[in-house]
Amino acid sequence: MKNISLFVLLNIIVSLMACGQSKKPTESKTDNKFEVVKTEEEWKQQLSALEYDVLRNEGTERAFTGKYIDLKKQGTFTCNACKTPVFESKTKFKSGTGWPSFYDYIEGNVTEKADNSYGWNRVEVECSKCGSHLGHVFEDGPDPTGLRYCINSVSLDFIEE
């Protein structure tokens, strides 16, 4: 852990503080602005309790617990709620933060919005098709983008090549 930057360490601390403390979305995720629309009851039937908390209520899984942290297979990561392709494995890198990290997303399938919860200004990452919360993006990633999309494993599914 000696190589983790102060920024990454603060990210981990804030995320750990947020674990199990879902915030209420600032907008309805069931409105018609998304291509994939379901009622909250339909989402609850489809998703496990943890998946629902993270994807629909903008929760966070505990660091180093996700199934995709160390995955090295080639393929495509999809939104676990609607199966829209969101990240390619070729953009995945080891950040040491406890969540899968990517330096870029699949264009048109991810949106970003301001997240000022827990007293920290961050940028939230959502699936553009269903509005599900995926994680956050930070400006401490590798080239070529310099970005680190820090994504909850539970927000993802994986299709191997």
N, C-alpha and C. Protein backbone atom coordinates (compact mmCIF):
# COMPACT_ATOMS: atom_id res chain seq x y z
N MET A 1 0.82 -1.19 0.00
CA MET A 1 0.00 0.00 0.00
C MET A 1 0.86 1.25 0.00
N LYS A 2 2.19 1.11 0.08
CA LYS A 2 3.07 2.26 0.14
C LYS A 2 3.10 3.07 -1.14
N ASN A 3 2.67 2.52 -2.27
CA ASN A 3 2.71 3.22 -3.54
C ASN A 3 1.41 3.94 -3.88
N ILE A 4 0.43 3.88 -3.00
CA ILE A 4 -0.86 4.52 -3.27
C ILE A 4 -0.76 6.01 -2.97
N SER A 5 -1.20 6.84 -3.89
CA SER A 5 -1.15 8.29 -3.71
C SER A 5 -2.13 8.72 -2.64
N LEU A 6 -1.93 9.91 -2.12
CA LEU A 6 -2.83 10.47 -1.11
C LEU A 6 -4.24 10.58 -1.68
N PHE A 7 -4.37 10.97 -2.95
CA PHE A 7 -5.68 11.10 -3.58
C PHE A 7 -6.40 9.76 -3.60
N VAL A 8 -5.70 8.70 -3.96
CA VAL A 8 -6.30 7.37 -4.00
C VAL A 8 -6.68 6.93 -2.59
N LEU A 9 -5.82 7.20 -1.62
CA LEU A 9 -6.12 6.85 -0.23
C LEU A 9 -7.36 7.57 0.26
N LEU A 10 -7.50 8.85 -0.05
CA LEU A 10 -8.70 9.59 0.32
C LEU A 10 -9.94 9.00 -0.35
N ASN A 11 -9.81 8.59 -1.61
CA ASN A 11 -10.91 7.95 -2.33
C ASN A 11 -11.35 6.69 -1.61
N ILE A 12 -10.40 5.89 -1.18
CA ILE A 12 -10.72 4.65 -0.46
C ILE A 12 -11.43 4.96 0.85
N ILE A 13 -10.93 5.94 1.59
CA ILE A 13 -11.54 6.30 2.87
C ILE A 13 -12.96 6.78 2.68
N VAL A 14 -13.20 7.68 1.72
CA VAL A 14 -14.56 8.17 1.48
C VAL A 14 -15.46 7.02 1.04
N SER A 15 -14.97 6.14 0.18
CA SER A 15 -15.78 5.01 -0.28
C SER A 15 -16.11 4.06 0.86
N LEU A 16 -15.14 3.82 1.75
CA LEU A 16 -15.40 2.96 2.90
C LEU A 16 -16.43 3.59 3.83
N MET A 17 -16.37 4.90 3.98
CA MET A 17 -17.37 5.60 4.80
C MET A 17 -18.75 5.46 4.19
N ALA A 18 -18.81 5.40 2.87
CA ALA A 18 -20.09 5.34 2.17
C ALA A 18 -20.67 3.93 2.09
N CYS A 19 -19.86 2.90 2.33
CA CYS A 19 -20.34 1.52 2.22
C CYS A 19 -21.54 1.30 3.12
N GLY A 20 -22.59 0.77 2.53
CA GLY A 20 -23.80 0.48 3.28
C GLY A 20 -24.64 1.70 3.56
N GLN A 21 -24.22 2.86 3.06
CA GLN A 21 -24.96 4.09 3.27
C GLN A 21 -25.39 4.64 1.91
N SER A 22 -26.38 4.05 1.33
CA SER A 22 -26.84 4.50 0.03
C SER A 22 -27.37 5.91 0.15
N LYS A 23 -27.17 6.66 -0.90
CA LYS A 23 -27.77 7.98 -0.93
C LYS A 23 -28.98 7.93 -1.84
N LYS A 24 -29.90 8.76 -1.58
CA LYS A 24 -31.07 8.84 -2.44
C LYS A 24 -30.66 9.52 -3.74
N PRO A 25 -30.96 8.92 -4.87
CA PRO A 25 -30.63 9.57 -6.14
C PRO A 25 -31.27 10.95 -6.23
N THR A 26 -30.55 11.89 -6.87
CA THR A 26 -31.07 13.24 -7.00
C THR A 26 -32.16 13.32 -8.07
N GLU A 27 -32.30 12.31 -8.86
CA GLU A 27 -33.34 12.28 -9.87
C GLU A 27 -33.89 10.87 -9.93
N SER A 28 -35.09 10.76 -10.44
CA SER A 28 -35.69 9.44 -10.54
C SER A 28 -35.00 8.61 -11.60
N LYS A 29 -34.60 7.41 -11.23
CA LYS A 29 -33.97 6.53 -12.20
C LYS A 29 -35.04 5.76 -12.99
N THR A 30 -36.29 6.01 -12.68
CA THR A 30 -37.37 5.32 -13.40
C THR A 30 -38.10 6.27 -14.35
N ASP A 31 -37.59 7.49 -14.53
CA ASP A 31 -38.26 8.38 -15.47
C ASP A 31 -37.94 7.93 -16.90
N ASN A 32 -38.52 8.60 -17.84
CA ASN A 32 -38.40 8.15 -19.23
C ASN A 32 -37.21 8.74 -19.98
N LYS A 33 -36.22 9.31 -19.27
CA LYS A 33 -35.07 9.85 -19.99
C LYS A 33 -34.09 8.76 -20.40
N PHE A 34 -34.28 7.54 -19.88
CA PHE A 34 -33.39 6.43 -20.22
C PHE A 34 -34.07 5.49 -21.19
N GLU A 35 -33.27 4.83 -22.00
CA GLU A 35 -33.77 3.87 -22.99
C GLU A 35 -34.36 2.64 -22.31
N VAL A 36 -33.72 2.17 -21.23
CA VAL A 36 -34.20 1.02 -20.46
C VAL A 36 -34.88 1.56 -19.21
N VAL A 37 -36.18 1.34 -19.11
CA VAL A 37 -36.95 1.87 -17.98
C VAL A 37 -37.70 0.72 -17.32
N LYS A 38 -37.54 0.61 -16.00
CA LYS A 38 -38.26 -0.37 -15.20
C LYS A 38 -38.69 0.30 -13.91
N THR A 39 -39.71 -0.25 -13.28
CA THR A 39 -40.11 0.26 -11.97
C THR A 39 -39.09 -0.21 -10.94
N GLU A 40 -39.07 0.45 -9.80
CA GLU A 40 -38.15 0.03 -8.73
C GLU A 40 -38.45 -1.40 -8.30
N GLU A 41 -39.71 -1.79 -8.31
CA GLU A 41 -40.08 -3.16 -7.96
C GLU A 41 -39.51 -4.16 -8.96
N GLU A 42 -39.55 -3.81 -10.25
CA GLU A 42 -38.96 -4.68 -11.27
C GLU A 42 -37.44 -4.81 -11.08
N TRP A 43 -36.77 -3.68 -10.76
CA TRP A 43 -35.33 -3.74 -10.50
C TRP A 43 -35.04 -4.62 -9.29
N LYS A 44 -35.84 -4.49 -8.25
CA LYS A 44 -35.63 -5.28 -7.03
C LYS A 44 -35.80 -6.78 -7.30
N GLN A 45 -36.70 -7.13 -8.20
CA GLN A 45 -36.89 -8.53 -8.55
C GLN A 45 -35.72 -9.07 -9.37
N GLN A 46 -35.12 -8.23 -10.19
CA GLN A 46 -34.03 -8.63 -11.07
C GLN A 46 -32.68 -8.69 -10.36
N LEU A 47 -32.44 -7.77 -9.44
CA LEU A 47 -31.12 -7.59 -8.83
C LEU A 47 -31.07 -8.12 -7.40
N SER A 48 -29.89 -8.57 -6.97
CA SER A 48 -29.71 -8.94 -5.56
C SER A 48 -29.78 -7.66 -4.73
N ALA A 49 -29.83 -7.80 -3.42
CA ALA A 49 -29.92 -6.64 -2.53
C ALA A 49 -28.71 -5.72 -2.72
N LEU A 50 -27.50 -6.29 -2.79
CA LEU A 50 -26.30 -5.48 -2.98
C LEU A 50 -26.30 -4.83 -4.36
N GLU A 51 -26.65 -5.58 -5.39
CA GLU A 51 -26.69 -5.03 -6.74
C GLU A 51 -27.68 -3.86 -6.80
N TYR A 52 -28.84 -4.03 -6.19
CA TYR A 52 -29.85 -2.96 -6.19
C TYR A 52 -29.32 -1.73 -5.45
N ASP A 53 -28.69 -1.95 -4.30
CA ASP A 53 -28.16 -0.84 -3.51
C ASP A 53 -27.14 -0.04 -4.31
N VAL A 54 -26.23 -0.72 -4.98
CA VAL A 54 -25.18 -0.03 -5.72
C VAL A 54 -25.73 0.56 -7.03
N LEU A 55 -26.37 -0.25 -7.84
CA LEU A 55 -26.82 0.18 -9.15
C LEU A 55 -27.95 1.21 -9.12
N ARG A 56 -28.89 1.04 -8.23
CA ARG A 56 -30.07 1.90 -8.23
C ARG A 56 -30.05 2.99 -7.16
N ASN A 57 -29.33 2.77 -6.06
CA ASN A 57 -29.29 3.75 -4.97
C ASN A 57 -27.92 4.39 -4.80
N GLU A 58 -27.02 4.16 -5.75
CA GLU A 58 -25.70 4.77 -5.76
C GLU A 58 -24.87 4.40 -4.54
N GLY A 59 -25.02 3.14 -4.09
CA GLY A 59 -24.21 2.64 -2.99
C GLY A 59 -22.82 2.27 -3.49
N THR A 60 -22.02 1.66 -2.59
CA THR A 60 -20.66 1.26 -2.92
C THR A 60 -20.37 -0.09 -2.27
N GLU A 61 -19.75 -0.99 -3.03
CA GLU A 61 -19.31 -2.25 -2.42
C GLU A 61 -18.01 -2.01 -1.66
N ARG A 62 -17.73 -2.86 -0.70
CA ARG A 62 -16.49 -2.74 0.07
C ARG A 62 -15.28 -2.95 -0.85
N ALA A 63 -14.23 -2.22 -0.58
CA ALA A 63 -12.98 -2.36 -1.35
C ALA A 63 -12.44 -3.77 -1.25
N PHE A 64 -11.85 -4.25 -2.32
CA PHE A 64 -11.18 -5.55 -2.41
C PHE A 64 -12.13 -6.75 -2.23
N THR A 65 -13.44 -6.55 -2.44
CA THR A 65 -14.40 -7.65 -2.32
C THR A 65 -15.01 -8.05 -3.66
N GLY A 66 -14.83 -7.26 -4.69
CA GLY A 66 -15.48 -7.51 -5.97
C GLY A 66 -14.83 -8.61 -6.79
N LYS A 67 -15.64 -9.28 -7.58
CA LYS A 67 -15.17 -10.43 -8.35
C LYS A 67 -14.32 -10.05 -9.57
N TYR A 68 -14.32 -8.78 -9.98
CA TYR A 68 -13.58 -8.41 -11.18
C TYR A 68 -12.28 -7.65 -10.92
N ILE A 69 -11.89 -7.51 -9.67
CA ILE A 69 -10.67 -6.75 -9.36
C ILE A 69 -9.46 -7.32 -10.09
N ASP A 70 -9.26 -8.62 -10.00
CA ASP A 70 -8.07 -9.25 -10.57
C ASP A 70 -8.32 -9.98 -11.88
N LEU A 71 -9.49 -9.82 -12.48
CA LEU A 71 -9.80 -10.50 -13.74
C LEU A 71 -8.88 -10.01 -14.84
N LYS A 72 -8.24 -10.94 -15.54
CA LYS A 72 -7.31 -10.58 -16.61
C LYS A 72 -7.75 -11.10 -17.98
N LYS A 73 -8.94 -11.67 -18.06
CA LYS A 73 -9.43 -12.22 -19.33
C LYS A 73 -9.80 -11.09 -20.28
N GLN A 74 -9.78 -11.43 -21.58
CA GLN A 74 -10.16 -10.47 -22.60
C GLN A 74 -11.66 -10.55 -22.84
N GLY A 75 -12.28 -9.39 -22.98
CA GLY A 75 -13.71 -9.35 -23.23
C GLY A 75 -14.29 -7.97 -22.97
N THR A 76 -15.59 -7.95 -22.74
CA THR A 76 -16.32 -6.70 -22.55
C THR A 76 -17.07 -6.73 -21.24
N PHE A 77 -16.98 -5.65 -20.49
CA PHE A 77 -17.74 -5.49 -19.26
C PHE A 77 -19.03 -4.77 -19.61
N THR A 78 -20.14 -5.28 -19.08
CA THR A 78 -21.45 -4.69 -19.36
C THR A 78 -22.07 -4.18 -18.07
N CYS A 79 -23.04 -3.30 -18.20
CA CYS A 79 -23.82 -2.86 -17.05
C CYS A 79 -24.58 -4.08 -16.53
N ASN A 80 -24.49 -4.36 -15.26
CA ASN A 80 -25.13 -5.55 -14.69
C ASN A 80 -26.65 -5.43 -14.67
N ALA A 81 -27.17 -4.22 -14.83
CA ALA A 81 -28.63 -4.04 -14.81
C ALA A 81 -29.26 -4.25 -16.18
N CYS A 82 -28.64 -3.70 -17.24
CA CYS A 82 -29.28 -3.76 -18.56
C CYS A 82 -28.42 -4.42 -19.63
N LYS A 83 -27.21 -4.84 -19.27
CA LYS A 83 -26.28 -5.56 -20.15
C LYS A 83 -25.71 -4.72 -21.29
N THR A 84 -25.77 -3.41 -21.16
CA THR A 84 -25.15 -2.52 -22.14
C THR A 84 -23.63 -2.59 -21.98
N PRO A 85 -22.87 -2.76 -23.06
CA PRO A 85 -21.40 -2.76 -22.96
C PRO A 85 -20.90 -1.39 -22.48
N VAL A 86 -20.09 -1.38 -21.40
CA VAL A 86 -19.62 -0.11 -20.84
C VAL A 86 -18.09 0.04 -20.82
N PHE A 87 -17.35 -1.06 -20.67
CA PHE A 87 -15.88 -1.00 -20.65
C PHE A 87 -15.31 -2.22 -21.37
N GLU A 88 -14.17 -2.02 -22.03
CA GLU A 88 -13.46 -3.13 -22.66
C GLU A 88 -12.28 -3.52 -21.78
N SER A 89 -12.00 -4.81 -21.72
CA SER A 89 -10.92 -5.30 -20.85
C SER A 89 -9.57 -4.69 -21.22
N LYS A 90 -9.37 -4.30 -22.46
CA LYS A 90 -8.08 -3.71 -22.86
C LYS A 90 -7.83 -2.37 -22.19
N THR A 91 -8.87 -1.73 -21.61
CA THR A 91 -8.69 -0.46 -20.91
C THR A 91 -8.60 -0.64 -19.39
N LYS A 92 -8.65 -1.88 -18.92
CA LYS A 92 -8.60 -2.18 -17.49
C LYS A 92 -7.14 -2.15 -17.02
N PHE A 93 -6.92 -1.63 -15.82
CA PHE A 93 -5.57 -1.62 -15.25
C PHE A 93 -5.65 -1.80 -13.74
N LYS A 94 -4.55 -2.19 -13.15
CA LYS A 94 -4.48 -2.43 -11.71
C LYS A 94 -4.16 -1.11 -11.02
N SER A 95 -5.12 -0.58 -10.25
CA SER A 95 -4.94 0.72 -9.59
C SER A 95 -4.55 0.57 -8.12
N GLY A 96 -4.80 -0.61 -7.55
CA GLY A 96 -4.50 -0.81 -6.14
C GLY A 96 -5.52 -0.19 -5.20
N THR A 97 -6.65 0.26 -5.74
CA THR A 97 -7.66 0.94 -4.93
C THR A 97 -8.70 0.00 -4.34
N GLY A 98 -8.79 -1.23 -4.85
CA GLY A 98 -9.78 -2.16 -4.35
C GLY A 98 -11.01 -2.31 -5.22
N TRP A 99 -11.05 -1.60 -6.33
CA TRP A 99 -12.15 -1.71 -7.29
C TRP A 99 -11.55 -1.84 -8.68
N PRO A 100 -12.26 -2.50 -9.60
CA PRO A 100 -11.77 -2.55 -10.98
C PRO A 100 -11.63 -1.13 -11.52
N SER A 101 -10.55 -0.88 -12.23
CA SER A 101 -10.30 0.45 -12.77
C SER A 101 -10.04 0.37 -14.27
N PHE A 102 -10.52 1.37 -14.97
CA PHE A 102 -10.41 1.45 -16.42
C PHE A 102 -9.96 2.87 -16.77
N TYR A 103 -9.22 3.03 -17.88
CA TYR A 103 -8.82 4.38 -18.27
C TYR A 103 -9.73 4.98 -19.34
N ASP A 104 -10.70 4.21 -19.83
CA ASP A 104 -11.65 4.73 -20.80
C ASP A 104 -12.88 3.85 -20.83
N TYR A 105 -13.98 4.36 -21.37
CA TYR A 105 -15.24 3.63 -21.47
C TYR A 105 -15.66 3.50 -22.93
N ILE A 106 -16.68 2.72 -23.16
CA ILE A 106 -17.21 2.55 -24.51
C ILE A 106 -18.09 3.75 -24.83
N GLU A 107 -17.69 4.50 -25.83
CA GLU A 107 -18.35 5.75 -26.18
C GLU A 107 -19.85 5.59 -26.38
N GLY A 108 -20.59 6.52 -25.80
CA GLY A 108 -22.04 6.54 -25.94
C GLY A 108 -22.79 5.73 -24.89
N ASN A 109 -22.07 4.91 -24.12
CA ASN A 109 -22.75 4.02 -23.18
C ASN A 109 -22.55 4.39 -21.71
N VAL A 110 -21.76 5.42 -21.46
CA VAL A 110 -21.49 5.87 -20.09
C VAL A 110 -21.69 7.38 -20.03
N THR A 111 -22.32 7.85 -18.96
CA THR A 111 -22.47 9.28 -18.74
C THR A 111 -21.84 9.64 -17.41
N GLU A 112 -21.50 10.90 -17.25
CA GLU A 112 -20.89 11.39 -16.03
C GLU A 112 -21.73 12.53 -15.48
N LYS A 113 -21.79 12.64 -14.14
CA LYS A 113 -22.49 13.75 -13.51
C LYS A 113 -21.83 14.08 -12.18
N ALA A 114 -22.02 15.32 -11.73
CA ALA A 114 -21.43 15.77 -10.48
C ALA A 114 -22.01 14.98 -9.31
N ASP A 115 -21.15 14.65 -8.35
CA ASP A 115 -21.55 13.96 -7.12
C ASP A 115 -20.86 14.67 -5.96
N ASN A 116 -21.63 15.43 -5.20
CA ASN A 116 -21.09 16.19 -4.08
C ASN A 116 -21.45 15.58 -2.74
N SER A 117 -21.78 14.29 -2.74
CA SER A 117 -22.15 13.63 -1.49
C SER A 117 -20.93 13.40 -0.61
N TYR A 118 -21.17 13.22 0.67
CA TYR A 118 -20.13 12.91 1.66
C TYR A 118 -19.05 13.99 1.74
N GLY A 119 -19.38 15.22 1.34
CA GLY A 119 -18.46 16.34 1.48
C GLY A 119 -17.29 16.35 0.51
N TRP A 120 -17.40 15.61 -0.58
CA TRP A 120 -16.30 15.55 -1.53
C TRP A 120 -16.86 15.72 -2.94
N ASN A 121 -16.24 16.57 -3.73
CA ASN A 121 -16.66 16.77 -5.11
C ASN A 121 -16.06 15.69 -5.98
N ARG A 122 -16.93 14.80 -6.48
CA ARG A 122 -16.48 13.73 -7.36
C ARG A 122 -17.34 13.74 -8.61
N VAL A 123 -16.99 12.88 -9.55
CA VAL A 123 -17.78 12.72 -10.77
C VAL A 123 -18.29 11.29 -10.80
N GLU A 124 -19.61 11.14 -10.79
CA GLU A 124 -20.25 9.83 -10.82
C GLU A 124 -20.32 9.32 -12.25
N VAL A 125 -20.22 8.01 -12.39
CA VAL A 125 -20.31 7.35 -13.69
C VAL A 125 -21.58 6.50 -13.70
N GLU A 126 -22.41 6.68 -14.72
CA GLU A 126 -23.66 5.94 -14.86
C GLU A 126 -23.73 5.26 -16.22
N CYS A 127 -24.53 4.21 -16.30
CA CYS A 127 -24.88 3.60 -17.58
C CYS A 127 -25.83 4.57 -18.28
N SER A 128 -25.52 4.93 -19.51
CA SER A 128 -26.36 5.89 -20.23
C SER A 128 -27.69 5.28 -20.70
N LYS A 129 -27.80 3.96 -20.70
CA LYS A 129 -29.03 3.33 -21.19
C LYS A 129 -30.09 3.16 -20.10
N CYS A 130 -29.65 2.88 -18.84
CA CYS A 130 -30.64 2.65 -17.77
C CYS A 130 -30.44 3.55 -16.55
N GLY A 131 -29.37 4.34 -16.53
CA GLY A 131 -29.13 5.27 -15.43
C GLY A 131 -28.53 4.63 -14.19
N SER A 132 -28.12 3.38 -14.28
CA SER A 132 -27.56 2.71 -13.11
C SER A 132 -26.19 3.26 -12.74
N HIS A 133 -25.94 3.35 -11.45
CA HIS A 133 -24.66 3.82 -10.91
C HIS A 133 -23.60 2.75 -11.13
N LEU A 134 -22.47 3.16 -11.70
CA LEU A 134 -21.36 2.23 -11.92
C LEU A 134 -20.20 2.50 -10.96
N GLY A 135 -19.91 3.76 -10.71
CA GLY A 135 -18.80 4.14 -9.85
C GLY A 135 -18.48 5.61 -10.02
N HIS A 136 -17.17 5.95 -9.98
CA HIS A 136 -16.73 7.33 -10.11
C HIS A 136 -15.49 7.40 -11.00
N VAL A 137 -15.22 8.59 -11.52
CA VAL A 137 -14.02 8.79 -12.34
C VAL A 137 -13.14 9.84 -11.67
N PHE A 138 -11.82 9.58 -11.71
CA PHE A 138 -10.84 10.46 -11.10
C PHE A 138 -9.73 10.77 -12.10
N GLU A 139 -9.02 11.86 -11.88
CA GLU A 139 -7.99 12.31 -12.82
C GLU A 139 -6.59 11.85 -12.40
N ASP A 140 -6.47 10.61 -11.95
CA ASP A 140 -5.16 10.09 -11.55
C ASP A 140 -4.87 8.75 -12.22
N GLY A 141 -5.38 8.58 -13.42
CA GLY A 141 -5.19 7.33 -14.15
C GLY A 141 -4.00 7.37 -15.08
N PRO A 142 -3.77 6.28 -15.78
CA PRO A 142 -2.63 6.18 -16.70
C PRO A 142 -2.93 6.82 -18.05
N ASP A 143 -1.88 6.93 -18.86
CA ASP A 143 -2.05 7.35 -20.25
C ASP A 143 -2.85 6.27 -20.97
N PRO A 144 -3.57 6.55 -21.99
CA PRO A 144 -3.56 7.79 -22.73
C PRO A 144 -4.55 8.84 -22.23
N THR A 145 -5.47 8.52 -21.31
CA THR A 145 -6.49 9.48 -20.90
C THR A 145 -6.15 10.21 -19.60
N GLY A 146 -5.35 9.60 -18.74
CA GLY A 146 -5.08 10.17 -17.43
C GLY A 146 -6.24 10.02 -16.47
N LEU A 147 -7.23 9.21 -16.86
CA LEU A 147 -8.42 9.03 -16.04
C LEU A 147 -8.44 7.63 -15.42
N ARG A 148 -9.10 7.55 -14.26
CA ARG A 148 -9.31 6.27 -13.58
C ARG A 148 -10.79 6.12 -13.30
N TYR A 149 -11.45 5.29 -14.09
CA TYR A 149 -12.85 4.96 -13.85
C TYR A 149 -12.85 3.86 -12.80
N CYS A 150 -13.21 4.22 -11.58
CA CYS A 150 -13.20 3.32 -10.43
C CYS A 150 -14.62 2.75 -10.31
N ILE A 151 -14.79 1.48 -10.66
CA ILE A 151 -16.11 0.89 -10.88
C ILE A 151 -16.37 -0.26 -9.91
N ASN A 152 -17.58 -0.30 -9.37
CA ASN A 152 -17.99 -1.41 -8.51
C ASN A 152 -18.11 -2.68 -9.33
N SER A 153 -17.49 -3.77 -8.87
CA SER A 153 -17.64 -5.06 -9.57
C SER A 153 -19.09 -5.47 -9.69
N VAL A 154 -19.87 -5.22 -8.64
CA VAL A 154 -21.27 -5.63 -8.62
C VAL A 154 -22.09 -4.86 -9.67
N SER A 155 -21.56 -3.76 -10.16
CA SER A 155 -22.24 -2.99 -11.22
C SER A 155 -22.00 -3.59 -12.59
N LEU A 156 -21.11 -4.56 -12.67
CA LEU A 156 -20.68 -5.10 -13.95
C LEU A 156 -21.03 -6.56 -14.15
N ASP A 157 -21.12 -6.93 -15.40
CA ASP A 157 -21.14 -8.33 -15.82
C ASP A 157 -20.01 -8.42 -16.85
N PHE A 158 -19.62 -9.64 -17.23
CA PHE A 158 -18.48 -9.78 -18.14
C PHE A 158 -18.79 -10.79 -19.22
N ILE A 159 -18.48 -10.42 -20.46
CA ILE A 159 -18.63 -11.31 -21.60
C ILE A 159 -17.22 -11.59 -22.13
N GLU A 160 -16.77 -12.82 -21.98
CA GLU A 160 -15.43 -13.18 -22.41
C GLU A 160 -15.37 -13.28 -23.92
N GLU A 161 -14.22 -12.85 -24.49
CA GLU A 161 -14.02 -12.96 -25.95
C GLU A 161 -13.90 -14.39 -26.37
